PDB file of all heavy atoms in Angstrom:
ATOM      1  N   GLY A   1      30.631  15.697 -30.695  1.00  0.00           N
ATOM      2  CA  GLY A   1      30.357  15.287 -29.320  1.00  0.00           C
ATOM      3  C   GLY A   1      30.309  16.487 -28.384  1.00  0.00           C
ATOM      4  O   GLY A   1      29.412  16.603 -27.542  1.00  0.00           O
ATOM      5  N   GLY A   2      31.261  17.410 -28.531  1.00  0.00           N
ATOM      6  CA  GLY A   2      31.290  18.616 -27.713  1.00  0.00           C
ATOM      7  C   GLY A   2      30.075  19.500 -27.956  1.00  0.00           C
ATOM      8  O   GLY A   2      29.468  20.028 -27.013  1.00  0.00           O
ATOM      9  N   ILE A   3      29.714  19.665 -29.217  1.00  0.00           N
ATOM     10  CA  ILE A   3      28.560  20.496 -29.564  1.00  0.00           C
ATOM     11  C   ILE A   3      27.278  19.896 -29.002  1.00  0.00           C
ATOM     12  O   ILE A   3      26.462  20.595 -28.386  1.00  0.00           O
ATOM     13  CB  ILE A   3      28.469  20.675 -31.097  1.00  0.00           C
ATOM     14  CG1 ILE A   3      29.594  21.606 -31.574  1.00  0.00           C
ATOM     15  CG2 ILE A   3      27.100  21.182 -31.519  1.00  0.00           C
ATOM     16  CD1 ILE A   3      29.758  21.669 -33.084  1.00  0.00           C
ATOM     17  N   PHE A   4      27.096  18.599 -29.182  1.00  0.00           N
ATOM     18  CA  PHE A   4      25.847  17.974 -28.729  1.00  0.00           C
ATOM     19  C   PHE A   4      25.798  17.817 -27.214  1.00  0.00           C
ATOM     20  O   PHE A   4      24.719  17.763 -26.637  1.00  0.00           O
ATOM     21  CB  PHE A   4      25.592  16.659 -29.465  1.00  0.00           C
ATOM     22  CG  PHE A   4      24.942  16.889 -30.796  1.00  0.00           C
ATOM     23  CD1 PHE A   4      25.704  17.095 -31.935  1.00  0.00           C
ATOM     24  CD2 PHE A   4      23.565  16.958 -30.903  1.00  0.00           C
ATOM     25  CE1 PHE A   4      25.115  17.350 -33.155  1.00  0.00           C
ATOM     26  CE2 PHE A   4      22.964  17.205 -32.123  1.00  0.00           C
ATOM     27  CZ  PHE A   4      23.739  17.406 -33.256  1.00  0.00           C
ATOM     28  N   HIS A   5      26.953  17.770 -26.572  1.00  0.00           N
ATOM     29  CA  HIS A   5      26.964  17.769 -25.111  1.00  0.00           C
ATOM     30  C   HIS A   5      26.356  19.083 -24.614  1.00  0.00           C
ATOM     31  O   HIS A   5      25.508  19.100 -23.716  1.00  0.00           O
ATOM     32  CB  HIS A   5      28.391  17.604 -24.585  1.00  0.00           C
ATOM     33  CG  HIS A   5      28.456  17.288 -23.136  1.00  0.00           C
ATOM     34  ND1 HIS A   5      28.338  18.253 -22.160  1.00  0.00           N
ATOM     35  CD2 HIS A   5      28.610  16.118 -22.477  1.00  0.00           C
ATOM     36  CE1 HIS A   5      28.415  17.693 -20.976  1.00  0.00           C
ATOM     37  NE2 HIS A   5      28.589  16.393 -21.138  1.00  0.00           N
ATOM     38  N   ASN A   6      26.773  20.179 -25.229  1.00  0.00           N
ATOM     39  CA  ASN A   6      26.242  21.485 -24.855  1.00  0.00           C
ATOM     40  C   ASN A   6      24.762  21.630 -25.209  1.00  0.00           C
ATOM     41  O   ASN A   6      24.001  22.241 -24.461  1.00  0.00           O
ATOM     42  CB  ASN A   6      27.065  22.603 -25.497  1.00  0.00           C
ATOM     43  CG  ASN A   6      28.436  22.734 -24.874  1.00  0.00           C
ATOM     44  OD1 ASN A   6      28.696  22.195 -23.795  1.00  0.00           O
ATOM     45  ND2 ASN A   6      29.319  23.435 -25.536  1.00  0.00           N
ATOM     46  N   ILE A   7      24.359  21.073 -26.334  1.00  0.00           N
ATOM     47  CA  ILE A   7      22.939  21.109 -26.710  1.00  0.00           C
ATOM     48  C   ILE A   7      22.112  20.343 -25.682  1.00  0.00           C
ATOM     49  O   ILE A   7      21.038  20.799 -25.264  1.00  0.00           O
ATOM     50  CB  ILE A   7      22.728  20.549 -28.136  1.00  0.00           C
ATOM     51  CG1 ILE A   7      23.305  21.524 -29.170  1.00  0.00           C
ATOM     52  CG2 ILE A   7      21.252  20.269 -28.407  1.00  0.00           C
ATOM     53  CD1 ILE A   7      23.337  20.991 -30.588  1.00  0.00           C
ATOM     54  N   GLY A   8      22.597  19.186 -25.252  1.00  0.00           N
ATOM     55  CA  GLY A   8      21.896  18.402 -24.235  1.00  0.00           C
ATOM     56  C   GLY A   8      21.744  19.180 -22.938  1.00  0.00           C
ATOM     57  O   GLY A   8      20.683  19.165 -22.301  1.00  0.00           O
ATOM     58  N   GLN A   9      22.797  19.892 -22.553  1.00  0.00           N
ATOM     59  CA  GLN A   9      22.729  20.690 -21.328  1.00  0.00           C
ATOM     60  C   GLN A   9      21.761  21.860 -21.480  1.00  0.00           C
ATOM     61  O   GLN A   9      21.056  22.220 -20.539  1.00  0.00           O
ATOM     62  CB  GLN A   9      24.115  21.176 -20.936  1.00  0.00           C
ATOM     63  CG  GLN A   9      24.996  20.046 -20.470  1.00  0.00           C
ATOM     64  CD  GLN A   9      26.333  20.504 -19.945  1.00  0.00           C
ATOM     65  OE1 GLN A   9      26.876  21.509 -20.396  1.00  0.00           O
ATOM     66  NE2 GLN A   9      26.867  19.761 -19.001  1.00  0.00           N
ATOM     67  N   LEU A  10      21.702  22.431 -22.672  1.00  0.00           N
ATOM     68  CA  LEU A  10      20.759  23.526 -22.922  1.00  0.00           C
ATOM     69  C   LEU A  10      19.321  23.025 -22.855  1.00  0.00           C
ATOM     70  O   LEU A  10      18.432  23.726 -22.349  1.00  0.00           O
ATOM     71  CB  LEU A  10      21.041  24.175 -24.277  1.00  0.00           C
ATOM     72  CG  LEU A  10      20.265  25.442 -24.587  1.00  0.00           C
ATOM     73  CD1 LEU A  10      20.614  26.537 -23.587  1.00  0.00           C
ATOM     74  CD2 LEU A  10      20.560  25.914 -26.002  1.00  0.00           C
ATOM     75  N   ILE A  11      19.090  21.811 -23.314  1.00  0.00           N
ATOM     76  CA  ILE A  11      17.752  21.207 -23.222  1.00  0.00           C
ATOM     77  C   ILE A  11      17.338  21.069 -21.758  1.00  0.00           C
ATOM     78  O   ILE A  11      16.212  21.402 -21.387  1.00  0.00           O
ATOM     79  CB  ILE A  11      17.721  19.842 -23.957  1.00  0.00           C
ATOM     80  CG1 ILE A  11      17.839  20.045 -25.467  1.00  0.00           C
ATOM     81  CG2 ILE A  11      16.456  19.060 -23.603  1.00  0.00           C
ATOM     82  CD1 ILE A  11      18.114  18.779 -26.249  1.00  0.00           C
ATOM     83  N   VAL A  12      18.252  20.593 -20.923  1.00  0.00           N
ATOM     84  CA  VAL A  12      17.956  20.468 -19.492  1.00  0.00           C
ATOM     85  C   VAL A  12      17.692  21.847 -18.885  1.00  0.00           C
ATOM     86  O   VAL A  12      16.745  22.023 -18.109  1.00  0.00           O
ATOM     87  CB  VAL A  12      19.088  19.743 -18.730  1.00  0.00           C
ATOM     88  CG1 VAL A  12      18.872  19.801 -17.228  1.00  0.00           C
ATOM     89  CG2 VAL A  12      19.194  18.306 -19.190  1.00  0.00           C
ATOM     90  N   ALA A  13      18.517  22.812 -19.243  1.00  0.00           N
ATOM     91  CA  ALA A  13      18.339  24.171 -18.706  1.00  0.00           C
ATOM     92  C   ALA A  13      16.978  24.735 -19.097  1.00  0.00           C
ATOM     93  O   ALA A  13      16.294  25.351 -18.269  1.00  0.00           O
ATOM     94  CB  ALA A  13      19.453  25.090 -19.201  1.00  0.00           C
ATOM     95  N   ALA A  14      16.562  24.528 -20.338  1.00  0.00           N
ATOM     96  CA  ALA A  14      15.252  25.015 -20.781  1.00  0.00           C
ATOM     97  C   ALA A  14      14.136  24.322 -20.005  1.00  0.00           C
ATOM     98  O   ALA A  14      13.130  24.951 -19.651  1.00  0.00           O
ATOM     99  CB  ALA A  14      15.088  24.784 -22.282  1.00  0.00           C
ATOM    100  N   PHE A  15      14.318  23.054 -19.723  1.00  0.00           N
ATOM    101  CA  PHE A  15      13.322  22.305 -18.947  1.00  0.00           C
ATOM    102  C   PHE A  15      13.274  22.795 -17.501  1.00  0.00           C
ATOM    103  O   PHE A  15      12.208  23.039 -16.951  1.00  0.00           O
ATOM    104  CB  PHE A  15      13.641  20.812 -19.000  1.00  0.00           C
ATOM    105  CG  PHE A  15      12.693  19.963 -18.227  1.00  0.00           C
ATOM    106  CD1 PHE A  15      11.414  19.705 -18.702  1.00  0.00           C
ATOM    107  CD2 PHE A  15      13.068  19.413 -17.011  1.00  0.00           C
ATOM    108  CE1 PHE A  15      10.530  18.925 -17.986  1.00  0.00           C
ATOM    109  CE2 PHE A  15      12.195  18.632 -16.274  1.00  0.00           C
ATOM    110  CZ  PHE A  15      10.917  18.380 -16.775  1.00  0.00           C
ATOM    111  N   VAL A  16      14.442  22.959 -16.885  1.00  0.00           N
ATOM    112  CA  VAL A  16      14.517  23.404 -15.489  1.00  0.00           C
ATOM    113  C   VAL A  16      13.976  24.828 -15.341  1.00  0.00           C
ATOM    114  O   VAL A  16      13.237  25.131 -14.403  1.00  0.00           O
ATOM    115  CB  VAL A  16      15.976  23.316 -14.956  1.00  0.00           C
ATOM    116  CG1 VAL A  16      16.126  24.014 -13.614  1.00  0.00           C
ATOM    117  CG2 VAL A  16      16.409  21.862 -14.848  1.00  0.00           C
ATOM    118  N   MET A  17      14.353  25.693 -16.252  1.00  0.00           N
ATOM    119  CA  MET A  17      13.922  27.095 -16.190  1.00  0.00           C
ATOM    120  C   MET A  17      12.514  27.300 -16.759  1.00  0.00           C
ATOM    121  O   MET A  17      11.976  28.391 -16.672  1.00  0.00           O
ATOM    122  CB  MET A  17      14.911  27.992 -16.954  1.00  0.00           C
ATOM    123  CG  MET A  17      16.340  27.895 -16.453  1.00  0.00           C
ATOM    124  SD  MET A  17      16.544  28.471 -14.790  1.00  0.00           S
ATOM    125  CE  MET A  17      16.473  30.205 -15.062  1.00  0.00           C
ATOM    126  N   GLU A  18      11.993  26.248 -17.372  1.00  0.00           N
ATOM    127  CA  GLU A  18      10.652  26.269 -17.967  1.00  0.00           C
ATOM    128  C   GLU A  18      10.486  27.366 -19.004  1.00  0.00           C
ATOM    129  O   GLU A  18       9.470  28.056 -19.060  1.00  0.00           O
ATOM    130  CB  GLU A  18       9.579  26.392 -16.879  1.00  0.00           C
ATOM    131  CG  GLU A  18       9.570  25.216 -15.931  1.00  0.00           C
ATOM    132  CD  GLU A  18       8.523  25.341 -14.829  1.00  0.00           C
ATOM    133  OE1 GLU A  18       7.831  26.380 -14.754  1.00  0.00           O
ATOM    134  OE2 GLU A  18       8.400  24.382 -14.058  1.00  0.00           O
ATOM    135  N   THR A  19      11.508  27.518 -19.830  1.00  0.00           N
ATOM    136  CA  THR A  19      11.434  28.485 -20.921  1.00  0.00           C
ATOM    137  C   THR A  19      12.351  28.069 -22.066  1.00  0.00           C
ATOM    138  O   THR A  19      13.440  27.564 -21.840  1.00  0.00           O
ATOM    139  CB  THR A  19      11.798  29.910 -20.461  1.00  0.00           C
ATOM    140  OG1 THR A  19      11.666  30.794 -21.579  1.00  0.00           O
ATOM    141  CG2 THR A  19      13.198  29.997 -19.908  1.00  0.00           C
ATOM    142  N   ILE A  20      11.880  28.293 -23.262  1.00  0.00           N
ATOM    143  CA  ILE A  20      12.681  28.022 -24.460  1.00  0.00           C
ATOM    144  C   ILE A  20      13.526  29.241 -24.822  1.00  0.00           C
ATOM    145  O   ILE A  20      14.372  29.199 -25.707  1.00  0.00           O
ATOM    146  CB  ILE A  20      11.765  27.597 -25.638  1.00  0.00           C
ATOM    147  CG1 ILE A  20      12.563  26.986 -26.797  1.00  0.00           C
ATOM    148  CG2 ILE A  20      10.948  28.776 -26.132  1.00  0.00           C
ATOM    149  CD1 ILE A  20      13.173  25.672 -26.483  1.00  0.00           C
ATOM    150  N   ARG A  21      13.334  30.326 -24.101  1.00  0.00           N
ATOM    151  CA  ARG A  21      14.058  31.566 -24.377  1.00  0.00           C
ATOM    152  C   ARG A  21      15.562  31.424 -24.211  1.00  0.00           C
ATOM    153  O   ARG A  21      16.315  32.286 -24.635  1.00  0.00           O
ATOM    154  CB  ARG A  21      13.542  32.693 -23.501  1.00  0.00           C
ATOM    155  CG  ARG A  21      12.159  33.128 -23.897  1.00  0.00           C
ATOM    156  CD  ARG A  21      11.731  34.309 -23.098  1.00  0.00           C
ATOM    157  NE  ARG A  21      10.421  34.743 -23.560  1.00  0.00           N
ATOM    158  CZ  ARG A  21       9.734  35.682 -22.981  1.00  0.00           C
ATOM    159  NH1 ARG A  21      10.219  36.298 -21.913  1.00  0.00           N
ATOM    160  NH2 ARG A  21       8.566  36.022 -23.449  1.00  0.00           N
ATOM    161  N   LEU A  22      15.996  30.360 -23.587  1.00  0.00           N
ATOM    162  CA  LEU A  22      17.423  30.126 -23.428  1.00  0.00           C
ATOM    163  C   LEU A  22      18.103  29.792 -24.757  1.00  0.00           C
ATOM    164  O   LEU A  22      19.322  29.705 -24.821  1.00  0.00           O
ATOM    165  CB  LEU A  22      17.664  28.990 -22.435  1.00  0.00           C
ATOM    166  CG  LEU A  22      17.261  29.266 -20.997  1.00  0.00           C
ATOM    167  CD1 LEU A  22      17.432  28.013 -20.154  1.00  0.00           C
ATOM    168  CD2 LEU A  22      18.074  30.399 -20.424  1.00  0.00           C
ATOM    169  N   ALA A  23      17.322  29.622 -25.795  1.00  0.00           N
ATOM    170  CA  ALA A  23      17.873  29.303 -27.113  1.00  0.00           C
ATOM    171  C   ALA A  23      18.826  30.397 -27.613  1.00  0.00           C
ATOM    172  O   ALA A  23      19.687  30.127 -28.443  1.00  0.00           O
ATOM    173  CB  ALA A  23      16.757  29.075 -28.120  1.00  0.00           C
ATOM    174  N   TYR A  24      18.694  31.604 -27.093  1.00  0.00           N
ATOM    175  CA  TYR A  24      19.615  32.683 -27.482  1.00  0.00           C
ATOM    176  C   TYR A  24      21.057  32.311 -27.138  1.00  0.00           C
ATOM    177  O   TYR A  24      21.998  32.814 -27.737  1.00  0.00           O
ATOM    178  CB  TYR A  24      19.241  34.002 -26.798  1.00  0.00           C
ATOM    179  CG  TYR A  24      19.659  34.082 -25.345  1.00  0.00           C
ATOM    180  CD1 TYR A  24      20.915  34.569 -24.978  1.00  0.00           C
ATOM    181  CD2 TYR A  24      18.814  33.634 -24.329  1.00  0.00           C
ATOM    182  CE1 TYR A  24      21.305  34.614 -23.652  1.00  0.00           C
ATOM    183  CE2 TYR A  24      19.198  33.689 -23.001  1.00  0.00           C
ATOM    184  CZ  TYR A  24      20.444  34.172 -22.670  1.00  0.00           C
ATOM    185  OH  TYR A  24      20.828  34.217 -21.357  1.00  0.00           O
ATOM    186  N   TYR A  25      21.219  31.429 -26.182  1.00  0.00           N
ATOM    187  CA  TYR A  25      22.524  31.002 -25.695  1.00  0.00           C
ATOM    188  C   TYR A  25      23.160  29.938 -26.602  1.00  0.00           C
ATOM    189  O   TYR A  25      24.332  29.627 -26.470  1.00  0.00           O
ATOM    190  CB  TYR A  25      22.315  30.462 -24.274  1.00  0.00           C
ATOM    191  CG  TYR A  25      23.523  30.421 -23.402  1.00  0.00           C
ATOM    192  CD1 TYR A  25      24.356  31.508 -23.241  1.00  0.00           C
ATOM    193  CD2 TYR A  25      23.836  29.256 -22.696  1.00  0.00           C
ATOM    194  CE1 TYR A  25      25.464  31.453 -22.421  1.00  0.00           C
ATOM    195  CE2 TYR A  25      24.937  29.196 -21.876  1.00  0.00           C
ATOM    196  CZ  TYR A  25      25.752  30.302 -21.747  1.00  0.00           C
ATOM    197  OH  TYR A  25      26.847  30.251 -20.938  1.00  0.00           O
ATOM    198  N   LEU A  26      22.379  29.402 -27.519  1.00  0.00           N
ATOM    199  CA  LEU A  26      22.846  28.310 -28.373  1.00  0.00           C
ATOM    200  C   LEU A  26      24.095  28.655 -29.187  1.00  0.00           C
ATOM    201  O   LEU A  26      25.034  27.860 -29.208  1.00  0.00           O
ATOM    202  CB  LEU A  26      21.718  27.818 -29.290  1.00  0.00           C
ATOM    203  CG  LEU A  26      22.039  26.614 -30.159  1.00  0.00           C
ATOM    204  CD1 LEU A  26      22.410  25.407 -29.302  1.00  0.00           C
ATOM    205  CD2 LEU A  26      20.859  26.278 -31.054  1.00  0.00           C
ATOM    206  N   PRO A  27      24.180  29.812 -29.857  1.00  0.00           N
ATOM    207  CA  PRO A  27      25.397  30.097 -30.633  1.00  0.00           C
ATOM    208  C   PRO A  27      26.671  30.083 -29.778  1.00  0.00           C
ATOM    209  O   PRO A  27      27.708  29.583 -30.211  1.00  0.00           O
ATOM    210  CB  PRO A  27      25.141  31.498 -31.207  1.00  0.00           C
ATOM    211  CG  PRO A  27      23.668  31.625 -31.227  1.00  0.00           C
ATOM    212  CD  PRO A  27      23.160  30.844 -30.048  1.00  0.00           C
ATOM    213  N   VAL A  28      26.579  30.604 -28.575  1.00  0.00           N
ATOM    214  CA  VAL A  28      27.734  30.620 -27.676  1.00  0.00           C
ATOM    215  C   VAL A  28      28.143  29.192 -27.337  1.00  0.00           C
ATOM    216  O   VAL A  28      29.326  28.842 -27.358  1.00  0.00           O
ATOM    217  CB  VAL A  28      27.407  31.413 -26.388  1.00  0.00           C
ATOM    218  CG1 VAL A  28      28.518  31.284 -25.369  1.00  0.00           C
ATOM    219  CG2 VAL A  28      27.129  32.866 -26.711  1.00  0.00           C
ATOM    220  N   LEU A  29      27.151  28.348 -27.035  1.00  0.00           N
ATOM    221  CA  LEU A  29      27.438  26.956 -26.690  1.00  0.00           C
ATOM    222  C   LEU A  29      27.950  26.162 -27.889  1.00  0.00           C
ATOM    223  O   LEU A  29      28.766  25.254 -27.727  1.00  0.00           O
ATOM    224  CB  LEU A  29      26.202  26.291 -26.085  1.00  0.00           C
ATOM    225  CG  LEU A  29      25.805  26.807 -24.707  1.00  0.00           C
ATOM    226  CD1 LEU A  29      24.538  26.110 -24.228  1.00  0.00           C
ATOM    227  CD2 LEU A  29      26.923  26.618 -23.700  1.00  0.00           C
ATOM    228  N   LEU A  30      27.475  26.496 -29.082  1.00  0.00           N
ATOM    229  CA  LEU A  30      27.962  25.810 -30.283  1.00  0.00           C
ATOM    230  C   LEU A  30      29.442  26.133 -30.505  1.00  0.00           C
ATOM    231  O   LEU A  30      30.240  25.242 -30.807  1.00  0.00           O
ATOM    232  CB  LEU A  30      27.138  26.206 -31.506  1.00  0.00           C
ATOM    233  CG  LEU A  30      25.695  25.739 -31.525  1.00  0.00           C
ATOM    234  CD1 LEU A  30      24.992  26.249 -32.787  1.00  0.00           C
ATOM    235  CD2 LEU A  30      25.583  24.226 -31.429  1.00  0.00           C
ATOM    236  N   ILE A  31      29.803  27.382 -30.335  1.00  0.00           N
ATOM    237  CA  ILE A  31      31.211  27.781 -30.500  1.00  0.00           C
ATOM    238  C   ILE A  31      32.074  27.132 -29.416  1.00  0.00           C
ATOM    239  O   ILE A  31      33.157  26.608 -29.704  1.00  0.00           O
ATOM    240  CB  ILE A  31      31.348  29.316 -30.485  1.00  0.00           C
ATOM    241  CG1 ILE A  31      30.695  29.898 -31.739  1.00  0.00           C
ATOM    242  CG2 ILE A  31      32.814  29.741 -30.393  1.00  0.00           C
ATOM    243  CD1 ILE A  31      30.510  31.407 -31.711  1.00  0.00           C
ATOM    244  N   ALA A  32      31.589  27.146 -28.184  1.00  0.00           N
ATOM    245  CA  ALA A  32      32.345  26.522 -27.087  1.00  0.00           C
ATOM    246  C   ALA A  32      32.508  25.024 -27.330  1.00  0.00           C
ATOM    247  O   ALA A  32      33.597  24.468 -27.124  1.00  0.00           O
ATOM    248  CB  ALA A  32      31.634  26.765 -25.759  1.00  0.00           C
ATOM    249  N   GLY A  33      31.455  24.357 -27.781  1.00  0.00           N
ATOM    250  CA  GLY A  33      31.533  22.928 -28.082  1.00  0.00           C
ATOM    251  C   GLY A  33      32.493  22.635 -29.217  1.00  0.00           C
ATOM    252  O   GLY A  33      33.216  21.637 -29.193  1.00  0.00           O
ATOM    253  N   LEU A  34      32.511  23.510 -30.205  1.00  0.00           N
ATOM    254  CA  LEU A  34      33.424  23.347 -31.334  1.00  0.00           C
ATOM    255  C   LEU A  34      34.877  23.461 -30.867  1.00  0.00           C
ATOM    256  O   LEU A  34      35.710  22.615 -31.200  1.00  0.00           O
ATOM    257  CB  LEU A  34      33.127  24.406 -32.393  1.00  0.00           C
ATOM    258  CG  LEU A  34      33.914  24.269 -33.684  1.00  0.00           C
ATOM    259  CD1 LEU A  34      33.025  24.621 -34.870  1.00  0.00           C
ATOM    260  CD2 LEU A  34      35.145  25.126 -33.695  1.00  0.00           C
ATOM    261  N   ILE A  35      35.163  24.478 -30.082  1.00  0.00           N
ATOM    262  CA  ILE A  35      36.548  24.701 -29.625  1.00  0.00           C
ATOM    263  C   ILE A  35      37.010  23.591 -28.688  1.00  0.00           C
ATOM    264  O   ILE A  35      38.089  23.013 -28.873  1.00  0.00           O
ATOM    265  CB  ILE A  35      36.682  26.088 -28.957  1.00  0.00           C
ATOM    266  CG1 ILE A  35      36.475  27.180 -29.997  1.00  0.00           C
ATOM    267  CG2 ILE A  35      38.040  26.229 -28.271  1.00  0.00           C
ATOM    268  CD1 ILE A  35      36.310  28.572 -29.415  1.00  0.00           C
ATOM    269  N   THR A  36      36.203  23.273 -27.676  1.00  0.00           N
ATOM    270  CA  THR A  36      36.617  22.223 -26.735  1.00  0.00           C
ATOM    271  C   THR A  36      36.643  20.863 -27.420  1.00  0.00           C
ATOM    272  O   THR A  36      37.532  20.061 -27.157  1.00  0.00           O
ATOM    273  CB  THR A  36      35.709  22.192 -25.488  1.00  0.00           C
ATOM    274  OG1 THR A  36      34.355  21.965 -25.878  1.00  0.00           O
ATOM    275  CG2 THR A  36      35.805  23.488 -24.699  1.00  0.00           C
ATOM    276  N   GLY A  37      35.680  20.624 -28.310  1.00  0.00           N
ATOM    277  CA  GLY A  37      35.671  19.365 -29.059  1.00  0.00           C
ATOM    278  C   GLY A  37      36.898  19.219 -29.945  1.00  0.00           C
ATOM    279  O   GLY A  37      37.453  18.128 -30.089  1.00  0.00           O
ATOM    280  N   LEU A  38      37.341  20.329 -30.518  1.00  0.00           N
ATOM    281  CA  LEU A  38      38.546  20.326 -31.350  1.00  0.00           C
ATOM    282  C   LEU A  38      39.775  19.968 -30.516  1.00  0.00           C
ATOM    283  O   LEU A  38      40.566  19.096 -30.888  1.00  0.00           O
ATOM    284  CB  LEU A  38      38.736  21.695 -32.014  1.00  0.00           C
ATOM    285  CG  LEU A  38      40.020  21.885 -32.812  1.00  0.00           C
ATOM    286  CD1 LEU A  38      40.020  20.988 -34.045  1.00  0.00           C
ATOM    287  CD2 LEU A  38      40.174  23.348 -33.220  1.00  0.00           C
ATOM    288  N   LEU A  39      39.925  20.630 -29.372  1.00  0.00           N
ATOM    289  CA  LEU A  39      41.079  20.356 -28.504  1.00  0.00           C
ATOM    290  C   LEU A  39      41.071  18.913 -28.003  1.00  0.00           C
ATOM    291  O   LEU A  39      42.103  18.224 -28.059  1.00  0.00           O
ATOM    292  CB  LEU A  39      41.089  21.326 -27.324  1.00  0.00           C
ATOM    293  CG  LEU A  39      41.280  22.802 -27.676  1.00  0.00           C
ATOM    294  CD1 LEU A  39      41.093  23.677 -26.446  1.00  0.00           C
ATOM    295  CD2 LEU A  39      42.639  23.027 -28.313  1.00  0.00           C
ATOM    296  N   ILE A  40      39.927  18.449 -27.528  1.00  0.00           N
ATOM    297  CA  ILE A  40      39.814  17.077 -27.043  1.00  0.00           C
ATOM    298  C   ILE A  40      40.033  16.094 -28.200  1.00  0.00           C
ATOM    299  O   ILE A  40      40.668  15.047 -28.031  1.00  0.00           O
ATOM    300  CB  ILE A  40      38.438  16.846 -26.365  1.00  0.00           C
ATOM    301  CG1 ILE A  40      38.300  17.718 -25.113  1.00  0.00           C
ATOM    302  CG2 ILE A  40      38.196  15.377 -26.064  1.00  0.00           C
ATOM    303  CD1 ILE A  40      39.311  17.461 -24.024  1.00  0.00           C
ATOM    304  N   GLY A  41      39.535  16.431 -29.374  1.00  0.00           N
ATOM    305  CA  GLY A  41      39.695  15.565 -30.546  1.00  0.00           C
ATOM    306  C   GLY A  41      41.139  15.401 -30.967  1.00  0.00           C
ATOM    307  O   GLY A  41      41.584  14.308 -31.333  1.00  0.00           O
ATOM    308  N   ILE A  42      41.905  16.486 -30.925  1.00  0.00           N
ATOM    309  CA  ILE A  42      43.325  16.419 -31.299  1.00  0.00           C
ATOM    310  C   ILE A  42      44.075  15.486 -30.345  1.00  0.00           C
ATOM    311  O   ILE A  42      44.831  14.611 -30.786  1.00  0.00           O
ATOM    312  CB  ILE A  42      43.950  17.834 -31.311  1.00  0.00           C
ATOM    313  CG1 ILE A  42      43.382  18.645 -32.478  1.00  0.00           C
ATOM    314  CG2 ILE A  42      45.474  17.761 -31.387  1.00  0.00           C
ATOM    315  CD1 ILE A  42      43.703  20.135 -32.433  1.00  0.00           C
TER     316      ILE A  42
END
């Protein structure tokens, strides 16, 4: 849930900024989603 929340936000950002180049940010968001999802999950 945390990971896909961040992916959804990245999709909006790519749409708003009109560029797919924001995909470089995906690994950072995946790690952040994993960590926050883990804490919230516990």
